[in-house]
């Protein structure tokens, strides 16, 4: 349950699915991550292995614990019937794989349940054709597939000529009112303004290495600004080293993961999302709700959220295009102001109750088919 879009979507559904219709059990392979304490208390929780947070601080003992954990995970991955017999010990009408990493686990379940997959991934960015085919062919084995955006489903048809008649598109719920409330919980004072905020897991496809080069490029042209990136991940050390090489440690701020990132965004002047691929990122709707003008790459389901040059500014996912968009905000204040003026109306497009109703309808239809 590390901080991430899919994890936040999952928590939102656990909080809002109707309890009078569903008796929900949540299975965690690893009980770890910043969000694990946010799981609703009325949900039955089953865990397979404890997280790193609960392991020994002694380096040697911790290593032994990690090796043991990996061996147990491998054993149950190869023996799913024993997983259900020894750990899960229950029967279910519906089993859901919230990400592709859980496809094999759900498909190997010995239960006579209806099986649903959730797919949030833009496959067009992945050069590994075998990996993509494994995932999209696995989707065909499920009783129903929920796609996180129209683009996520359409791009599979366009690139691989595979369609899913037993599927639907259901967007992720975006909790605008909660975001606005949490954005005022503490003050954030940035030293160097104007400032672009950004939020995302530090992965190479999120393109923060490119954003840092753009930042240096704009600075070298005499346009003072800062960038604050909220998020942790595997690219943290690489980005820190790059910041040292470029001499931008004081203006390209790596703030790591934050349980409450919204004050950092609310107190910024603009928001930039430089990703090479996305599905339907919660962050876009949340930033709109905070009335911060957005420059975003035109990828995945983002154009289903942003109307270009009305409630956001879309650019192609390359260095020059992102550079031009950011520089436009810095040099032409009328454009970000126009976006701010449009944002209040724009957030009306995110209808959470419809999303919960659509998910409920899918689950009930699959239950009725099983019965």
Protein backbone atom coordinates (compact mmCIF):
# COMPACT_ATOMS: atom_id res chain seq x y z
CA UNK A 1 0.00 0.00 0.00
CA UNK A 2 2.67 2.47 -1.02
CA UNK A 3 1.54 5.94 -2.05
CA UNK A 4 0.30 5.69 -5.62
CA UNK A 5 -2.69 6.29 -7.86
CA UNK A 6 -3.96 2.71 -7.97
CA UNK A 7 -3.66 2.35 -4.22
CA UNK A 8 -5.63 5.55 -3.66
CA UNK A 9 -8.34 4.44 -6.09
CA UNK A 10 -8.58 1.13 -4.27
CA UNK A 11 -8.92 2.81 -0.87
CA UNK A 12 -11.61 5.10 -2.21
CA UNK A 13 -13.64 2.14 -3.45
CA UNK A 14 -13.21 0.30 -0.15
CA UNK A 15 -14.59 3.35 1.62
CA UNK A 16 -17.55 3.93 -0.68
CA UNK A 17 -18.90 0.60 -1.92
CA UNK A 18 -22.27 -0.02 -0.23
CA UNK A 19 -21.95 -2.28 2.82
CA UNK A 20 -25.59 -3.37 2.59
CA UNK A 21 -24.78 -5.03 -0.74
CA UNK A 22 -21.20 -6.24 -0.31
CA UNK A 23 -19.29 -8.11 2.38
CA UNK A 24 -15.74 -7.11 1.49
CA UNK A 25 -12.46 -8.89 2.25
CA UNK A 26 -9.18 -7.23 1.33
CA UNK A 27 -6.14 -9.46 0.77
CA UNK A 28 -2.70 -7.85 1.06
CA UNK A 29 0.30 -9.84 -0.10
CA UNK A 30 2.58 -7.41 1.77
CA UNK A 31 1.35 -5.37 4.71
CA UNK A 32 3.51 -2.35 3.96
CA UNK A 33 3.39 1.20 2.63
CA UNK A 34 2.29 4.66 3.74
CA UNK A 35 -1.38 3.94 3.06
CA UNK A 36 -1.78 0.67 4.95
CA UNK A 37 -3.25 2.46 7.98
CA UNK A 38 -5.89 4.08 5.75
CA UNK A 39 -7.71 0.82 5.03
CA UNK A 40 -11.27 1.16 6.40
CA UNK A 41 -11.59 -0.56 9.78
CA UNK A 42 -14.83 -2.34 8.85
CA UNK A 43 -13.14 -4.20 5.98
CA UNK A 44 -11.91 -7.70 6.76
CA UNK A 45 -8.17 -7.72 6.15
CA UNK A 46 -6.04 -10.79 5.37
CA UNK A 47 -2.27 -10.38 5.04
CA UNK A 48 0.32 -12.85 3.81
CA UNK A 49 3.58 -11.25 4.94
CA UNK A 50 4.55 -8.29 7.07
CA UNK A 51 6.08 -5.18 5.59
CA UNK A 52 9.56 -3.72 5.87
CA UNK A 53 8.24 -1.27 8.45
CA UNK A 54 7.72 -4.18 10.87
CA UNK A 55 11.07 -5.86 10.34
CA UNK A 56 14.18 -5.69 12.49
CA UNK A 57 16.44 -2.63 12.37
CA UNK A 58 19.42 -4.99 12.60
CA UNK A 59 20.84 -5.23 9.09
CA UNK A 60 21.72 -8.94 9.24
CA UNK A 61 18.45 -10.01 10.81
CA UNK A 62 16.51 -7.83 8.41
CA UNK A 63 18.25 -9.51 5.46
CA UNK A 64 17.29 -12.93 6.82
CA UNK A 65 13.68 -11.76 7.25
CA UNK A 66 13.55 -10.47 3.67
CA UNK A 67 14.95 -13.74 2.28
CA UNK A 68 12.40 -15.73 4.30
CA UNK A 69 9.60 -13.45 3.11
CA UNK A 70 10.58 -13.86 -0.54
CA UNK A 71 10.71 -17.63 -0.20
CA UNK A 72 7.22 -17.71 1.35
CA UNK A 73 5.85 -15.46 -1.40
CA UNK A 74 7.42 -17.67 -4.07
CA UNK A 75 6.03 -20.82 -2.45
CA UNK A 76 2.46 -19.54 -2.42
CA UNK A 77 2.77 -18.09 -5.90
CA UNK A 78 3.55 -21.59 -7.14
CA UNK A 79 0.94 -23.23 -4.90
CA UNK A 80 -2.23 -21.10 -5.05
CA UNK A 81 -4.44 -23.88 -3.69
CA UNK A 82 -2.36 -23.94 -0.51
CA UNK A 83 -2.61 -20.15 -0.29
CA UNK A 84 -6.38 -20.44 -0.11
CA UNK A 85 -6.26 -23.44 2.22
CA UNK A 86 -3.69 -22.07 4.70
CA UNK A 87 -4.07 -18.28 4.54
CA UNK A 88 -7.29 -17.10 2.92
CA UNK A 89 -9.56 -19.93 4.16
CA UNK A 90 -12.73 -18.43 2.67
CA UNK A 91 -15.00 -18.70 -0.34
CA UNK A 92 -15.94 -15.68 -2.41
CA UNK A 93 -18.52 -14.88 -5.09
CA UNK A 94 -16.28 -12.33 -6.81
CA UNK A 95 -12.49 -11.92 -6.87
CA UNK A 96 -10.90 -8.74 -8.18
CA UNK A 97 -7.41 -8.06 -9.49
CA UNK A 98 -6.91 -4.29 -9.02
CA UNK A 99 -3.65 -4.24 -11.04
CA UNK A 100 -1.88 -6.41 -13.60
CA UNK A 101 0.52 -7.62 -10.90
CA UNK A 102 -2.40 -9.56 -9.40
CA UNK A 103 -3.70 -11.12 -12.64
CA UNK A 104 -1.93 -14.46 -12.17
CA UNK A 105 -2.97 -14.70 -8.53
CA UNK A 106 -6.66 -14.22 -9.29
CA UNK A 107 -6.67 -16.38 -12.41
CA UNK A 108 -5.01 -19.23 -10.49
CA UNK A 109 -7.63 -19.09 -7.73
CA UNK A 110 -9.24 -22.51 -7.10
CA UNK A 111 -12.58 -20.87 -6.24
CA UNK A 112 -15.58 -20.94 -8.56
CA UNK A 113 -15.85 -17.18 -8.36
CA UNK A 114 -16.48 -14.54 -10.99
CA UNK A 115 -13.17 -12.87 -11.73
CA UNK A 116 -12.79 -9.17 -12.53
CA UNK A 117 -9.66 -7.33 -13.68
CA UNK A 118 -8.97 -3.62 -13.39
CA UNK A 119 -6.57 -2.23 -15.99
CA UNK A 120 -5.08 1.28 -15.71
CA UNK A 121 -2.05 0.95 -17.97
CA UNK A 122 -1.31 2.65 -21.29
CA UNK A 123 0.38 -0.20 -23.19
CA UNK A 124 1.64 2.07 -25.97
CA UNK A 125 4.66 3.18 -23.91
CA UNK A 126 5.95 -0.35 -23.22
CA UNK A 127 8.54 -1.57 -25.77
CA UNK A 128 8.44 -5.12 -24.37
CA UNK A 129 5.86 -6.68 -26.72
CA UNK A 130 5.93 -10.05 -24.95
CA UNK A 131 5.17 -8.47 -21.58
CA UNK A 132 2.31 -6.46 -23.06
CA UNK A 133 0.85 -9.51 -24.82
CA UNK A 134 1.04 -11.53 -21.62
CA UNK A 135 -0.99 -8.88 -19.82
CA UNK A 136 -3.58 -8.15 -22.48
CA UNK A 137 -4.09 -11.84 -23.25
CA UNK A 138 -4.54 -12.52 -19.52
CA UNK A 139 -7.32 -9.93 -19.56
CA UNK A 140 -9.29 -12.14 -21.95
CA UNK A 141 -9.46 -14.86 -19.29
CA UNK A 142 -11.41 -12.70 -16.85
CA UNK A 143 -15.20 -12.66 -16.69
CA UNK A 144 -15.18 -8.87 -16.85
CA UNK A 145 -12.58 -6.12 -17.33
CA UNK A 146 -12.82 -2.54 -16.06
CA UNK A 147 -10.61 -0.07 -17.92
CA UNK A 148 -9.54 3.16 -16.23
CA UNK A 149 -10.00 5.28 -19.37
CA UNK A 150 -11.28 5.00 -22.93
CA UNK A 151 -7.74 5.38 -24.24
CA UNK A 152 -6.51 2.45 -22.14
CA UNK A 153 -8.93 0.12 -23.91
CA UNK A 154 -8.78 1.73 -27.36
CA UNK A 155 -4.99 1.64 -27.63
CA UNK A 156 -4.99 -2.17 -27.20
CA UNK A 157 -7.39 -2.46 -30.13
CA UNK A 158 -5.35 -0.01 -32.23
CA UNK A 159 -1.95 -1.61 -31.59
CA UNK A 160 -2.80 -5.29 -31.06
CA UNK A 161 -6.25 -5.71 -32.66
CA UNK A 162 -7.61 -7.19 -29.44
CA UNK A 163 -11.07 -6.23 -28.16
CA UNK A 164 -12.90 -6.98 -24.93
CA UNK A 165 -16.66 -7.32 -25.39
CA UNK A 166 -17.04 -8.13 -21.68
CA UNK A 167 -15.66 -4.85 -20.40
CA UNK A 168 -16.52 -1.29 -19.40
CA UNK A 169 -14.75 2.02 -18.88
CA UNK A 170 -15.09 3.43 -15.37
CA UNK A 171 -13.07 6.48 -14.41
CA UNK A 172 -11.34 6.85 -11.06
CA UNK A 173 -13.22 8.84 -8.44
CA UNK A 174 -11.65 12.17 -7.49
CA UNK A 175 -12.47 13.53 -4.03
CA UNK A 176 -12.31 17.25 -4.69
CA UNK A 177 -13.89 18.41 -1.41
CA UNK A 178 -11.53 16.28 0.68
CA UNK A 179 -8.51 17.51 -1.28
CA UNK A 180 -9.52 21.13 -0.74
CA UNK A 181 -9.94 20.57 2.98
CA UNK A 182 -6.62 18.79 3.39
CA UNK A 183 -4.80 21.44 1.36
CA UNK A 184 -5.25 23.90 4.25
CA UNK A 185 -3.95 21.63 7.04
CA UNK A 186 -0.53 23.30 7.25
CA UNK A 187 1.32 26.20 5.59
CA UNK A 188 3.97 25.73 2.92
CA UNK A 189 6.32 28.60 2.12
CA UNK A 190 8.51 28.26 -0.95
CA UNK A 191 11.60 30.45 -1.16
CA UNK A 192 11.94 30.76 -4.93
CA UNK A 193 8.88 31.76 -6.94
CA UNK A 194 7.13 31.27 -9.24
CA UNK A 195 7.01 27.55 -8.50
CA UNK A 196 5.73 24.57 -10.44
CA UNK A 197 4.60 21.63 -8.30
CA UNK A 198 4.39 18.08 -9.59
CA UNK A 199 3.36 14.79 -8.05
CA UNK A 200 4.06 11.22 -9.07
CA UNK A 201 6.03 8.10 -8.35
CA UNK A 202 9.69 8.54 -9.25
CA UNK A 203 9.83 6.11 -12.16
CA UNK A 204 11.64 6.69 -15.45
CA UNK A 205 8.41 6.90 -17.46
CA UNK A 206 7.23 9.77 -15.24
CA UNK A 207 9.94 11.75 -17.03
CA UNK A 208 11.30 13.78 -14.11
CA UNK A 209 14.84 13.48 -15.47
CA UNK A 210 13.63 15.36 -18.55
CA UNK A 211 11.75 17.90 -16.43
CA UNK A 212 14.98 18.66 -14.58
CA UNK A 213 16.80 19.35 -17.84
CA UNK A 214 13.97 21.66 -18.89
CA UNK A 215 14.21 23.43 -15.54
CA UNK A 216 17.93 24.05 -16.04
CA UNK A 217 17.31 25.21 -19.59
CA UNK A 218 14.70 27.78 -18.56
CA UNK A 219 16.89 29.02 -15.69
CA UNK A 220 19.81 29.50 -18.06
CA UNK A 221 17.60 31.76 -20.19
CA UNK A 222 17.06 34.05 -17.21
CA UNK A 223 13.57 32.95 -16.15
CA UNK A 224 13.70 32.46 -12.38
CA UNK A 225 11.44 29.67 -11.04
CA UNK A 226 11.47 26.50 -8.93
CA UNK A 227 10.00 23.01 -9.22
CA UNK A 228 8.79 20.93 -6.25
CA UNK A 229 8.27 17.22 -6.92
CA UNK A 230 6.20 15.23 -4.41
CA UNK A 231 6.79 11.49 -4.64
CA UNK A 232 9.24 8.71 -3.89
CA UNK A 233 10.49 5.79 -5.88
CA UNK A 234 13.34 4.02 -7.59
CA UNK A 235 14.61 7.10 -9.44
CA UNK A 236 15.23 9.19 -6.31
CA UNK A 237 19.01 8.66 -6.14
CA UNK A 238 19.42 9.17 -9.89
CA UNK A 239 17.50 12.43 -9.70
CA UNK A 240 19.50 13.63 -6.70
CA UNK A 241 22.73 12.94 -8.58
CA UNK A 242 21.39 14.69 -11.68
CA UNK A 243 20.41 17.73 -9.60
CA UNK A 244 23.99 17.96 -8.28
CA UNK A 245 25.45 17.67 -11.78
CA UNK A 246 23.17 20.44 -13.07
CA UNK A 247 23.57 22.58 -9.96
CA UNK A 248 19.83 22.84 -9.27
CA UNK A 249 19.55 21.22 -5.81
CA UNK A 250 18.07 24.45 -4.35
CA UNK A 251 15.50 25.00 -7.10
CA UNK A 252 14.50 21.45 -8.11
CA UNK A 253 13.07 20.21 -4.83
CA UNK A 254 12.65 16.46 -4.31
CA UNK A 255 10.16 16.33 -1.44
CA UNK A 256 9.68 12.52 -1.38
CA UNK A 257 6.32 10.89 -0.59
CA UNK A 258 3.94 12.87 1.62
CA UNK A 259 0.87 11.52 3.40
CA UNK A 260 -0.74 14.90 2.70
CA UNK A 261 0.74 16.36 -0.50
CA UNK A 262 -2.01 18.90 -1.11
CA UNK A 263 -0.66 21.92 0.81
CA UNK A 264 2.49 21.68 -1.34
CA UNK A 265 0.35 21.84 -4.49
CA UNK A 266 -2.11 24.46 -3.17
CA UNK A 267 0.76 26.82 -2.36
CA UNK A 268 2.41 26.48 -5.77
CA UNK A 269 1.77 28.78 -8.73
CA UNK A 270 1.47 26.14 -11.45
CA UNK A 271 1.46 22.36 -11.83
CA UNK A 272 3.39 20.35 -14.41
CA UNK A 273 2.89 16.68 -15.27
CA UNK A 274 5.68 15.50 -17.62
CA UNK A 275 4.77 11.78 -17.86
CA UNK A 276 5.44 9.70 -20.96
CA UNK A 277 2.38 7.56 -20.12
CA UNK A 278 -0.65 7.73 -17.85
CA UNK A 279 -4.12 6.22 -17.71
CA UNK A 280 -6.54 8.49 -15.82
CA UNK A 281 -4.40 10.18 -13.15
CA UNK A 282 -6.23 11.33 -10.01
CA UNK A 283 -3.73 14.15 -9.66
CA UNK A 284 -5.11 16.06 -12.65
CA UNK A 285 -8.61 16.34 -11.17
CA UNK A 286 -7.24 17.12 -7.71
CA UNK A 287 -5.07 19.96 -9.02
CA UNK A 288 -8.02 21.35 -10.97
CA UNK A 289 -9.98 21.28 -7.72
CA UNK A 290 -7.23 23.34 -6.06
CA UNK A 291 -7.44 25.84 -8.94
CA UNK A 292 -3.78 25.51 -9.94
CA UNK A 293 -3.13 25.92 -13.70
CA UNK A 294 -1.80 22.70 -15.28
CA UNK A 295 0.72 22.02 -18.02
CA UNK A 296 0.43 18.31 -18.83
CA UNK A 297 1.62 15.90 -21.46
CA UNK A 298 -1.12 14.78 -23.84
CA UNK A 299 -0.96 11.06 -23.02
CA UNK A 300 -3.31 8.27 -21.94
CA UNK A 301 -6.68 9.40 -20.62
CA UNK A 302 -5.51 12.94 -19.77
CA UNK A 303 -7.28 14.52 -22.80
CA UNK A 304 -10.46 12.92 -21.41
CA UNK A 305 -9.92 15.13 -18.33
CA UNK A 306 -8.44 18.34 -19.75
CA UNK A 307 -9.87 20.54 -22.49
CA UNK A 308 -6.75 22.02 -24.07
CA UNK A 309 -6.20 25.73 -23.47
CA UNK A 310 -9.46 25.91 -21.50
CA UNK A 311 -9.01 24.13 -18.16
CA UNK A 312 -5.42 23.02 -18.74
CA UNK A 313 -2.62 23.17 -21.27
CA UNK A 314 -1.67 19.97 -23.15
CA UNK A 315 1.73 19.36 -24.75
CA UNK A 316 3.41 16.44 -26.46
CA UNK A 317 5.54 14.18 -24.20
CA UNK A 318 8.94 15.45 -25.33
CA UNK A 319 11.43 17.91 -23.94
CA UNK A 320 10.84 20.78 -26.35
CA UNK A 321 7.06 20.68 -26.06
CA UNK A 322 7.09 20.58 -22.23
CA UNK A 323 9.66 23.39 -22.24
CA UNK A 324 7.45 25.54 -24.50
CA UNK A 325 4.39 24.95 -22.30
CA UNK A 326 6.17 25.86 -19.07
CA UNK A 327 7.82 28.90 -20.61
CA UNK A 328 4.44 30.04 -21.92
CA UNK A 329 3.07 30.04 -18.37
CA UNK A 330 6.07 32.06 -17.17
CA UNK A 331 5.94 34.64 -19.94
CA UNK A 332 2.23 34.96 -20.71
CA UNK A 333 0.23 35.29 -17.46
CA UNK A 334 -3.07 35.59 -19.34
CA UNK A 335 -2.98 31.87 -20.23
CA UNK A 336 -2.67 30.42 -16.70
CA UNK A 337 -5.20 33.02 -15.48
CA UNK A 338 -7.67 31.89 -18.15
CA UNK A 339 -7.23 28.29 -16.94
CA UNK A 340 -7.80 29.32 -13.31
CA UNK A 341 -11.01 31.07 -14.33
CA UNK A 342 -12.24 27.87 -16.01
CA UNK A 343 -11.31 25.39 -13.29
CA UNK A 344 -14.34 25.89 -11.02
CA UNK A 345 -16.65 24.82 -13.83
CA UNK A 346 -14.25 22.08 -14.96
CA UNK A 347 -14.41 20.06 -11.72
CA UNK A 348 -18.13 19.48 -12.27
CA UNK A 349 -17.17 16.81 -14.83
CA UNK A 350 -15.94 14.48 -12.03
CA UNK A 351 -19.12 12.75 -10.79
CA UNK A 352 -18.02 10.35 -8.06
CA UNK A 353 -21.45 8.95 -7.24
CA UNK A 354 -21.88 7.82 -10.85
CA UNK A 355 -18.54 6.03 -10.59
CA UNK A 356 -19.55 4.18 -7.41
CA UNK A 357 -22.89 3.29 -9.00
CA UNK A 358 -21.17 1.94 -12.13
CA UNK A 359 -18.77 -0.23 -10.11
CA UNK A 360 -21.65 -1.51 -7.98
CA UNK A 361 -23.62 -2.41 -11.10
CA UNK A 362 -20.70 -4.41 -12.53
CA UNK A 363 -20.20 -6.34 -9.30
CA UNK A 364 -23.92 -7.10 -8.93
CA UNK A 365 -24.20 -8.29 -12.53
CA UNK A 366 -21.28 -10.68 -12.04
CA UNK A 367 -22.76 -11.96 -8.78
CA UNK A 368 -26.08 -12.64 -10.51
CA UNK A 369 -24.30 -14.55 -13.28
CA UNK A 370 -22.56 -16.72 -10.68
CA UNK A 371 -25.81 -17.38 -8.88
